[in-house]
């Protein structure tokens, strides 16, 4: 892969007031995306607008080692025997995430975004977690980017009660098993905070980021080649080991 990506500015120098927007322009080629994430930036813009690169202050993260699922989620997982897979349907997940939500008519996940992240996945820098019902229908999931021990969550979707949370809990268990210091949630919102997310300063996030991306990438194949069930995970959280 050619390293043609532009050199991104230092977020703290480019945005001393902490407004979050670092620069505009560039492309969504894999090399550009990898460099952006390695510098603490991610793309976020509406379709038809120039590509905008963000590094928010503060940064929203969640720590797998201290994450505790809600009792209601565990009850739902025990009640429903949904199949959970890893990296089986990345494109399907991102396209489900791109569909309009009940609270918004627009989506930031454009065809250019989809194409760029599919390429990242094919190069080994993306992941997805899928939840399937008994009819083998994809009913929930999430996707993200992985560089070293840096795990960056992008988006999730749900077509049944708590299924996106089931995918999220699965990601937390993988993060705990892999000793990841955090999962990047980018921008805080009430939903993420309700799941246990917190915020750290951009300075601390960028400092930690440089350490984690130097670590070996997660070996997703050891999870990809297995099938998990929601009730089994709820009863035995060590099933992913």
C-alpha atoms as a PDB file:
ATOM      1  CA  UNK A   1       0.000   0.000   0.000  1.00  0.00           C
ATOM      2  CA  UNK A   2       1.502   3.330  -1.047  1.00  0.00           C
ATOM      3  CA  UNK A   3       1.915   5.836   1.749  1.00  0.00           C
ATOM      4  CA  UNK A   4       0.578   8.831  -0.163  1.00  0.00           C
ATOM      5  CA  UNK A   5      -1.482  10.199   2.725  1.00  0.00           C
ATOM      6  CA  UNK A   6      -1.037  13.833   3.761  1.00  0.00           C
ATOM      7  CA  UNK A   7       0.709  14.622   7.018  1.00  0.00           C
ATOM      8  CA  UNK A   8      -1.933  15.689   9.527  1.00  0.00           C
ATOM      9  CA  UNK A   9      -1.251  18.606  11.865  1.00  0.00           C
ATOM     10  CA  UNK A  10      -0.779  18.172  15.595  1.00  0.00           C
ATOM     11  CA  UNK A  11      -4.354  18.442  16.955  1.00  0.00           C
ATOM     12  CA  UNK A  12      -3.321  20.535  19.946  1.00  0.00           C
ATOM     13  CA  UNK A  13      -1.397  23.026  17.820  1.00  0.00           C
ATOM     14  CA  UNK A  14      -4.071  23.212  15.112  1.00  0.00           C
ATOM     15  CA  UNK A  15      -6.912  23.514  17.625  1.00  0.00           C
ATOM     16  CA  UNK A  16      -5.630  25.179  20.822  1.00  0.00           C
ATOM     17  CA  UNK A  17      -9.178  26.155  21.871  1.00  0.00           C
ATOM     18  CA  UNK A  18     -10.371  22.551  21.800  1.00  0.00           C
ATOM     19  CA  UNK A  19     -13.218  23.006  19.321  1.00  0.00           C
ATOM     20  CA  UNK A  20     -12.442  19.629  17.734  1.00  0.00           C
ATOM     21  CA  UNK A  21     -12.162  20.408  14.011  1.00  0.00           C
ATOM     22  CA  UNK A  22      -8.525  19.967  12.973  1.00  0.00           C
ATOM     23  CA  UNK A  23      -8.439  20.210   9.180  1.00  0.00           C
ATOM     24  CA  UNK A  24     -10.501  19.868   5.996  1.00  0.00           C
ATOM     25  CA  UNK A  25      -9.755  18.014   2.758  1.00  0.00           C
ATOM     26  CA  UNK A  26      -7.744  14.979   1.712  1.00  0.00           C
ATOM     27  CA  UNK A  27      -9.241  11.618   0.819  1.00  0.00           C
ATOM     28  CA  UNK A  28     -10.505   8.409   2.403  1.00  0.00           C
ATOM     29  CA  UNK A  29      -7.846   6.041   1.092  1.00  0.00           C
ATOM     30  CA  UNK A  30      -6.666   3.420   3.616  1.00  0.00           C
ATOM     31  CA  UNK A  31      -3.258   5.071   4.051  1.00  0.00           C
ATOM     32  CA  UNK A  32      -4.941   8.397   4.824  1.00  0.00           C
ATOM     33  CA  UNK A  33      -7.331   6.838   7.316  1.00  0.00           C
ATOM     34  CA  UNK A  34      -4.541   4.923   9.047  1.00  0.00           C
ATOM     35  CA  UNK A  35      -2.453   8.050   9.393  1.00  0.00           C
ATOM     36  CA  UNK A  36      -5.436  10.002  10.693  1.00  0.00           C
ATOM     37  CA  UNK A  37      -6.267   7.468  13.407  1.00  0.00           C
ATOM     38  CA  UNK A  38      -2.592   7.210  14.337  1.00  0.00           C
ATOM     39  CA  UNK A  39      -2.623  10.972  14.945  1.00  0.00           C
ATOM     40  CA  UNK A  40      -5.855  10.940  16.955  1.00  0.00           C
ATOM     41  CA  UNK A  41      -8.143  12.122  14.140  1.00  0.00           C
ATOM     42  CA  UNK A  42     -11.226  10.640  12.491  1.00  0.00           C
ATOM     43  CA  UNK A  43     -13.432  11.775   9.581  1.00  0.00           C
ATOM     44  CA  UNK A  44     -16.895  13.154  10.271  1.00  0.00           C
ATOM     45  CA  UNK A  45     -18.918  15.081   7.719  1.00  0.00           C
ATOM     46  CA  UNK A  46     -22.234  14.977   5.872  1.00  0.00           C
ATOM     47  CA  UNK A  47     -22.481  13.581   2.354  1.00  0.00           C
ATOM     48  CA  UNK A  48     -21.714  16.246  -0.243  1.00  0.00           C
ATOM     49  CA  UNK A  49     -19.538  18.254   2.155  1.00  0.00           C
ATOM     50  CA  UNK A  50     -15.718  18.437   2.225  1.00  0.00           C
ATOM     51  CA  UNK A  51     -14.003  15.778   4.351  1.00  0.00           C
ATOM     52  CA  UNK A  52     -13.599  17.113   7.894  1.00  0.00           C
ATOM     53  CA  UNK A  53     -11.098  15.608  10.341  1.00  0.00           C
ATOM     54  CA  UNK A  54     -11.811  15.802  14.067  1.00  0.00           C
ATOM     55  CA  UNK A  55      -9.978  15.298  17.346  1.00  0.00           C
ATOM     56  CA  UNK A  56     -12.384  16.269  20.143  1.00  0.00           C
ATOM     57  CA  UNK A  57     -11.552  17.761  23.512  1.00  0.00           C
ATOM     58  CA  UNK A  58     -12.227  15.859  25.714  1.00  0.00           C
ATOM     59  CA  UNK A  59     -12.095  12.375  24.180  1.00  0.00           C
ATOM     60  CA  UNK A  60     -14.716   9.763  24.977  1.00  0.00           C
ATOM     61  CA  UNK A  61     -13.365   6.303  25.846  1.00  0.00           C
ATOM     62  CA  UNK A  62     -14.503   3.185  27.636  1.00  0.00           C
ATOM     63  CA  UNK A  63     -12.219   0.889  29.611  1.00  0.00           C
ATOM     64  CA  UNK A  64     -12.860  -2.838  29.020  1.00  0.00           C
ATOM     65  CA  UNK A  65     -11.180  -3.881  32.270  1.00  0.00           C
ATOM     66  CA  UNK A  66     -13.753  -2.024  34.389  1.00  0.00           C
ATOM     67  CA  UNK A  67     -16.818  -2.410  32.143  1.00  0.00           C
ATOM     68  CA  UNK A  68     -19.847  -4.013  33.777  1.00  0.00           C
ATOM     69  CA  UNK A  69     -22.922  -4.906  31.712  1.00  0.00           C
ATOM     70  CA  UNK A  70     -26.304  -3.969  33.101  1.00  0.00           C
ATOM     71  CA  UNK A  71     -28.409  -6.637  34.794  1.00  0.00           C
ATOM     72  CA  UNK A  72     -31.159  -6.067  32.224  1.00  0.00           C
ATOM     73  CA  UNK A  73     -28.733  -6.769  29.367  1.00  0.00           C
ATOM     74  CA  UNK A  74     -27.582 -10.010  30.993  1.00  0.00           C
ATOM     75  CA  UNK A  75     -31.204 -11.087  31.465  1.00  0.00           C
ATOM     76  CA  UNK A  76     -31.970 -10.402  27.799  1.00  0.00           C
ATOM     77  CA  UNK A  77     -28.881 -12.290  26.640  1.00  0.00           C
ATOM     78  CA  UNK A  78     -29.830 -15.300  28.765  1.00  0.00           C
ATOM     79  CA  UNK A  79     -33.379 -15.221  27.432  1.00  0.00           C
ATOM     80  CA  UNK A  80     -32.454 -14.924  23.730  1.00  0.00           C
ATOM     81  CA  UNK A  81     -30.118 -17.414  22.064  1.00  0.00           C
ATOM     82  CA  UNK A  82     -28.727 -15.120  19.395  1.00  0.00           C
ATOM     83  CA  UNK A  83     -25.615 -16.090  17.448  1.00  0.00           C
ATOM     84  CA  UNK A  84     -22.703 -13.659  17.704  1.00  0.00           C
ATOM     85  CA  UNK A  85     -19.902 -13.655  15.137  1.00  0.00           C
ATOM     86  CA  UNK A  86     -16.718 -11.673  14.598  1.00  0.00           C
ATOM     87  CA  UNK A  87     -15.704 -10.286  11.186  1.00  0.00           C
ATOM     88  CA  UNK A  88     -18.231 -12.370   9.246  1.00  0.00           C
ATOM     89  CA  UNK A  89     -20.205  -9.510   7.657  1.00  0.00           C
ATOM     90  CA  UNK A  90     -18.277  -6.242   7.858  1.00  0.00           C
ATOM     91  CA  UNK A  91     -19.882  -4.647   4.787  1.00  0.00           C
ATOM     92  CA  UNK A  92     -23.384  -5.653   5.870  1.00  0.00           C
ATOM     93  CA  UNK A  93     -22.815  -4.120   9.292  1.00  0.00           C
ATOM     94  CA  UNK A  94     -21.517  -0.805   7.982  1.00  0.00           C
ATOM     95  CA  UNK A  95     -24.391  -0.582   5.494  1.00  0.00           C
ATOM     96  CA  UNK A  96     -26.917  -1.220   8.291  1.00  0.00           C
ATOM     97  CA  UNK A  97     -25.193   1.492  10.338  1.00  0.00           C
ATOM     98  CA  UNK A  98     -25.527   3.850   7.357  1.00  0.00           C
ATOM     99  CA  UNK A  99     -29.321   3.548   7.210  1.00  0.00           C
ATOM    100  CA  UNK A 100     -31.267   6.608   8.447  1.00  0.00           C
ATOM    101  CA  UNK A 101     -32.227   6.528  12.112  1.00  0.00           C
ATOM    102  CA  UNK A 102     -35.627   7.342  13.584  1.00  0.00           C
ATOM    103  CA  UNK A 103     -34.240  10.582  15.003  1.00  0.00           C
ATOM    104  CA  UNK A 104     -32.409  11.754  11.830  1.00  0.00           C
ATOM    105  CA  UNK A 105     -32.970  11.684   8.094  1.00  0.00           C
ATOM    106  CA  UNK A 106     -29.301  12.032   7.171  1.00  0.00           C
ATOM    107  CA  UNK A 107     -26.312   9.786   7.724  1.00  0.00           C
ATOM    108  CA  UNK A 108     -22.619  10.634   7.843  1.00  0.00           C
ATOM    109  CA  UNK A 109     -21.738   7.141   6.561  1.00  0.00           C
ATOM    110  CA  UNK A 110     -21.589   7.910   2.848  1.00  0.00           C
ATOM    111  CA  UNK A 111     -20.631   5.539   0.023  1.00  0.00           C
ATOM    112  CA  UNK A 112     -17.113   7.017   0.124  1.00  0.00           C
ATOM    113  CA  UNK A 113     -16.887   6.243   3.846  1.00  0.00           C
ATOM    114  CA  UNK A 114     -18.179   2.712   3.244  1.00  0.00           C
ATOM    115  CA  UNK A 115     -15.656   2.096   0.460  1.00  0.00           C
ATOM    116  CA  UNK A 116     -12.738   3.430   2.511  1.00  0.00           C
ATOM    117  CA  UNK A 117     -13.518   1.366   5.595  1.00  0.00           C
ATOM    118  CA  UNK A 118     -14.143  -1.815   3.612  1.00  0.00           C
ATOM    119  CA  UNK A 119     -10.641  -1.412   2.201  1.00  0.00           C
ATOM    120  CA  UNK A 120      -9.285  -0.937   5.726  1.00  0.00           C
ATOM    121  CA  UNK A 121     -11.038  -4.122   6.800  1.00  0.00           C
ATOM    122  CA  UNK A 122      -9.639  -6.068   3.844  1.00  0.00           C
ATOM    123  CA  UNK A 123      -6.148  -4.905   4.832  1.00  0.00           C
ATOM    124  CA  UNK A 124      -6.644  -6.191   8.380  1.00  0.00           C
ATOM    125  CA  UNK A 125      -7.328  -2.870  10.124  1.00  0.00           C
ATOM    126  CA  UNK A 126     -11.070  -3.171  10.614  1.00  0.00           C
ATOM    127  CA  UNK A 127     -13.389  -5.348  12.684  1.00  0.00           C
ATOM    128  CA  UNK A 128     -17.090  -6.041  13.010  1.00  0.00           C
ATOM    129  CA  UNK A 129     -19.252  -7.861  15.512  1.00  0.00           C
ATOM    130  CA  UNK A 130     -22.541  -9.266  14.242  1.00  0.00           C
ATOM    131  CA  UNK A 131     -25.661 -10.501  16.030  1.00  0.00           C
ATOM    132  CA  UNK A 132     -27.952 -12.959  14.191  1.00  0.00           C
ATOM    133  CA  UNK A 133     -31.372 -14.271  15.097  1.00  0.00           C
ATOM    134  CA  UNK A 134     -32.588 -17.863  14.752  1.00  0.00           C
ATOM    135  CA  UNK A 135     -33.629 -17.149  11.160  1.00  0.00           C
ATOM    136  CA  UNK A 136     -30.006 -16.197  10.345  1.00  0.00           C
ATOM    137  CA  UNK A 137     -30.963 -12.548   9.894  1.00  0.00           C
ATOM    138  CA  UNK A 138     -28.491  -9.842  10.860  1.00  0.00           C
ATOM    139  CA  UNK A 139     -30.271  -7.887  13.602  1.00  0.00           C
ATOM    140  CA  UNK A 140     -27.484  -5.900  15.229  1.00  0.00           C
ATOM    141  CA  UNK A 141     -23.798  -5.167  15.312  1.00  0.00           C
ATOM    142  CA  UNK A 142     -20.963  -2.682  15.301  1.00  0.00           C
ATOM    143  CA  UNK A 143     -17.771  -1.950  13.400  1.00  0.00           C
ATOM    144  CA  UNK A 144     -14.527  -0.122  13.993  1.00  0.00           C
ATOM    145  CA  UNK A 145     -10.827   0.288  13.271  1.00  0.00           C
ATOM    146  CA  UNK A 146      -7.891  -1.480  14.919  1.00  0.00           C
ATOM    147  CA  UNK A 147      -4.266  -0.332  14.879  1.00  0.00           C
ATOM    148  CA  UNK A 148      -1.972  -2.150  17.282  1.00  0.00           C
ATOM    149  CA  UNK A 149      -3.760  -2.185  20.641  1.00  0.00           C
ATOM    150  CA  UNK A 150      -5.747   0.869  19.607  1.00  0.00           C
ATOM    151  CA  UNK A 151      -9.384  -0.081  19.095  1.00  0.00           C
ATOM    152  CA  UNK A 152     -11.590   2.654  17.642  1.00  0.00           C
ATOM    153  CA  UNK A 153     -15.362   2.220  17.675  1.00  0.00           C
ATOM    154  CA  UNK A 154     -17.223   3.745  14.750  1.00  0.00           C
ATOM    155  CA  UNK A 155     -20.929   2.932  14.763  1.00  0.00           C
ATOM    156  CA  UNK A 156     -23.506   0.349  15.826  1.00  0.00           C
ATOM    157  CA  UNK A 157     -27.056  -0.575  14.889  1.00  0.00           C
ATOM    158  CA  UNK A 158     -29.912  -2.531  16.387  1.00  0.00           C
ATOM    159  CA  UNK A 159     -33.086  -4.097  14.945  1.00  0.00           C
ATOM    160  CA  UNK A 160     -34.145  -5.854  18.153  1.00  0.00           C
ATOM    161  CA  UNK A 161     -34.019  -5.123  21.870  1.00  0.00           C
ATOM    162  CA  UNK A 162     -30.484  -4.743  23.244  1.00  0.00           C
ATOM    163  CA  UNK A 163     -28.721  -6.457  20.318  1.00  0.00           C
ATOM    164  CA  UNK A 164     -26.298  -3.576  19.702  1.00  0.00           C
ATOM    165  CA  UNK A 165     -25.494  -3.711  23.413  1.00  0.00           C
ATOM    166  CA  UNK A 166     -24.791  -7.447  23.042  1.00  0.00           C
ATOM    167  CA  UNK A 167     -22.271  -6.667  20.307  1.00  0.00           C
ATOM    168  CA  UNK A 168     -20.816  -3.912  22.495  1.00  0.00           C
ATOM    169  CA  UNK A 169     -20.484  -6.253  25.474  1.00  0.00           C
ATOM    170  CA  UNK A 170     -18.731  -8.799  23.244  1.00  0.00           C
ATOM    171  CA  UNK A 171     -16.271  -6.094  22.171  1.00  0.00           C
ATOM    172  CA  UNK A 172     -15.648  -5.239  25.838  1.00  0.00           C
ATOM    173  CA  UNK A 173     -14.855  -8.885  26.589  1.00  0.00           C
ATOM    174  CA  UNK A 174     -12.427  -9.030  23.664  1.00  0.00           C
ATOM    175  CA  UNK A 175     -10.839  -5.793  24.857  1.00  0.00           C
ATOM    176  CA  UNK A 176     -10.496  -7.200  28.364  1.00  0.00           C
ATOM    177  CA  UNK A 177      -8.991 -10.446  27.085  1.00  0.00           C
ATOM    178  CA  UNK A 178      -6.530  -8.504  24.895  1.00  0.00           C
ATOM    179  CA  UNK A 179      -5.607  -6.131  27.754  1.00  0.00           C
ATOM    180  CA  UNK A 180      -6.645  -3.048  25.794  1.00  0.00           C
ATOM    181  CA  UNK A 181      -6.422   0.106  27.931  1.00  0.00           C
ATOM    182  CA  UNK A 182      -9.476   1.636  26.245  1.00  0.00           C
ATOM    183  CA  UNK A 183     -11.883   1.519  23.352  1.00  0.00           C
ATOM    184  CA  UNK A 184     -12.114   4.892  21.610  1.00  0.00           C
ATOM    185  CA  UNK A 185     -15.701   6.180  21.478  1.00  0.00           C
ATOM    186  CA  UNK A 186     -14.717   9.548  19.943  1.00  0.00           C
ATOM    187  CA  UNK A 187     -17.533  11.942  20.948  1.00  0.00           C
ATOM    188  CA  UNK A 188     -19.469  11.537  24.172  1.00  0.00           C
ATOM    189  CA  UNK A 189     -23.235  11.188  24.162  1.00  0.00           C
ATOM    190  CA  UNK A 190     -25.817  10.065  26.684  1.00  0.00           C
ATOM    191  CA  UNK A 191     -26.070   6.575  25.196  1.00  0.00           C
ATOM    192  CA  UNK A 192     -22.319   5.922  25.459  1.00  0.00           C
ATOM    193  CA  UNK A 193     -22.191   7.362  28.962  1.00  0.00           C
ATOM    194  CA  UNK A 194     -25.052   5.056  29.973  1.00  0.00           C
ATOM    195  CA  UNK A 195     -22.926   2.114  28.788  1.00  0.00           C
ATOM    196  CA  UNK A 196     -20.062   3.131  31.050  1.00  0.00           C
ATOM    197  CA  UNK A 197     -18.013   5.446  28.843  1.00  0.00           C
ATOM    198  CA  UNK A 198     -16.043   8.314  30.325  1.00  0.00           C
ATOM    199  CA  UNK A 199     -13.862  11.147  29.035  1.00  0.00           C
ATOM    200  CA  UNK A 200     -10.178  11.974  29.226  1.00  0.00           C
ATOM    201  CA  UNK A 201      -8.304  15.042  28.048  1.00  0.00           C
ATOM    202  CA  UNK A 202      -7.147  15.124  24.460  1.00  0.00           C
ATOM    203  CA  UNK A 203      -3.572  15.471  25.710  1.00  0.00           C
ATOM    204  CA  UNK A 204      -3.784  12.247  27.699  1.00  0.00           C
ATOM    205  CA  UNK A 205      -5.554  10.441  24.875  1.00  0.00           C
ATOM    206  CA  UNK A 206      -2.901  11.403  22.308  1.00  0.00           C
ATOM    207  CA  UNK A 207      -0.104  10.378  24.670  1.00  0.00           C
ATOM    208  CA  UNK A 208      -1.693   6.984  25.334  1.00  0.00           C
ATOM    209  CA  UNK A 209      -2.453   6.535  21.637  1.00  0.00           C
ATOM    210  CA  UNK A 210       1.205   6.636  20.670  1.00  0.00           C
ATOM    211  CA  UNK A 211       1.907   3.787  23.084  1.00  0.00           C
ATOM    212  CA  UNK A 212      -0.957   1.508  22.051  1.00  0.00           C
ATOM    213  CA  UNK A 213      -0.506   1.736  18.273  1.00  0.00           C
ATOM    214  CA  UNK A 214       3.044   0.397  18.648  1.00  0.00           C
ATOM    215  CA  UNK A 215       1.703  -2.870  20.076  1.00  0.00           C
ATOM    216  CA  UNK A 216       0.905  -5.903  17.872  1.00  0.00           C
ATOM    217  CA  UNK A 217      -2.479  -5.864  16.158  1.00  0.00           C
ATOM    218  CA  UNK A 218      -5.257  -7.946  17.672  1.00  0.00           C
ATOM    219  CA  UNK A 219      -5.404 -11.417  16.141  1.00  0.00           C
ATOM    220  CA  UNK A 220      -9.047 -11.293  15.091  1.00  0.00           C
ATOM    221  CA  UNK A 221      -8.845 -14.694  13.370  1.00  0.00           C
ATOM    222  CA  UNK A 222      -8.889 -16.524  16.699  1.00  0.00           C
ATOM    223  CA  UNK A 223     -12.328 -14.994  17.308  1.00  0.00           C
ATOM    224  CA  UNK A 224     -13.455 -15.053  13.678  1.00  0.00           C
ATOM    225  CA  UNK A 225     -13.183 -18.807  13.416  1.00  0.00           C
ATOM    226  CA  UNK A 226     -15.542 -19.402  16.333  1.00  0.00           C
ATOM    227  CA  UNK A 227     -19.280 -18.986  16.894  1.00  0.00           C
ATOM    228  CA  UNK A 228     -20.666 -17.565  20.128  1.00  0.00           C
ATOM    229  CA  UNK A 229     -24.158 -17.421  21.578  1.00  0.00           C
ATOM    230  CA  UNK A 230     -25.631 -14.627  23.638  1.00  0.00           C
ATOM    231  CA  UNK A 231     -26.865 -16.882  26.441  1.00  0.00           C
ATOM    232  CA  UNK A 232     -23.485 -18.616  26.746  1.00  0.00           C
ATOM    233  CA  UNK A 233     -21.639 -15.283  26.924  1.00  0.00           C
ATOM    234  CA  UNK A 234     -24.062 -14.016  29.569  1.00  0.00           C
ATOM    235  CA  UNK A 235     -23.546 -17.109  31.726  1.00  0.00           C
ATOM    236  CA  UNK A 236     -19.781 -17.418  31.141  1.00  0.00           C
ATOM    237  CA  UNK A 237     -17.981 -14.234  30.180  1.00  0.00           C
ATOM    238  CA  UNK A 238     -14.722 -16.179  29.749  1.00  0.00           C
ATOM    239  CA  UNK A 239     -16.147 -18.054  26.765  1.00  0.00           C
ATOM    240  CA  UNK A 240     -14.174 -15.775  24.398  1.00  0.00           C
ATOM    241  CA  UNK A 241     -10.849 -17.012  25.745  1.00  0.00           C
END
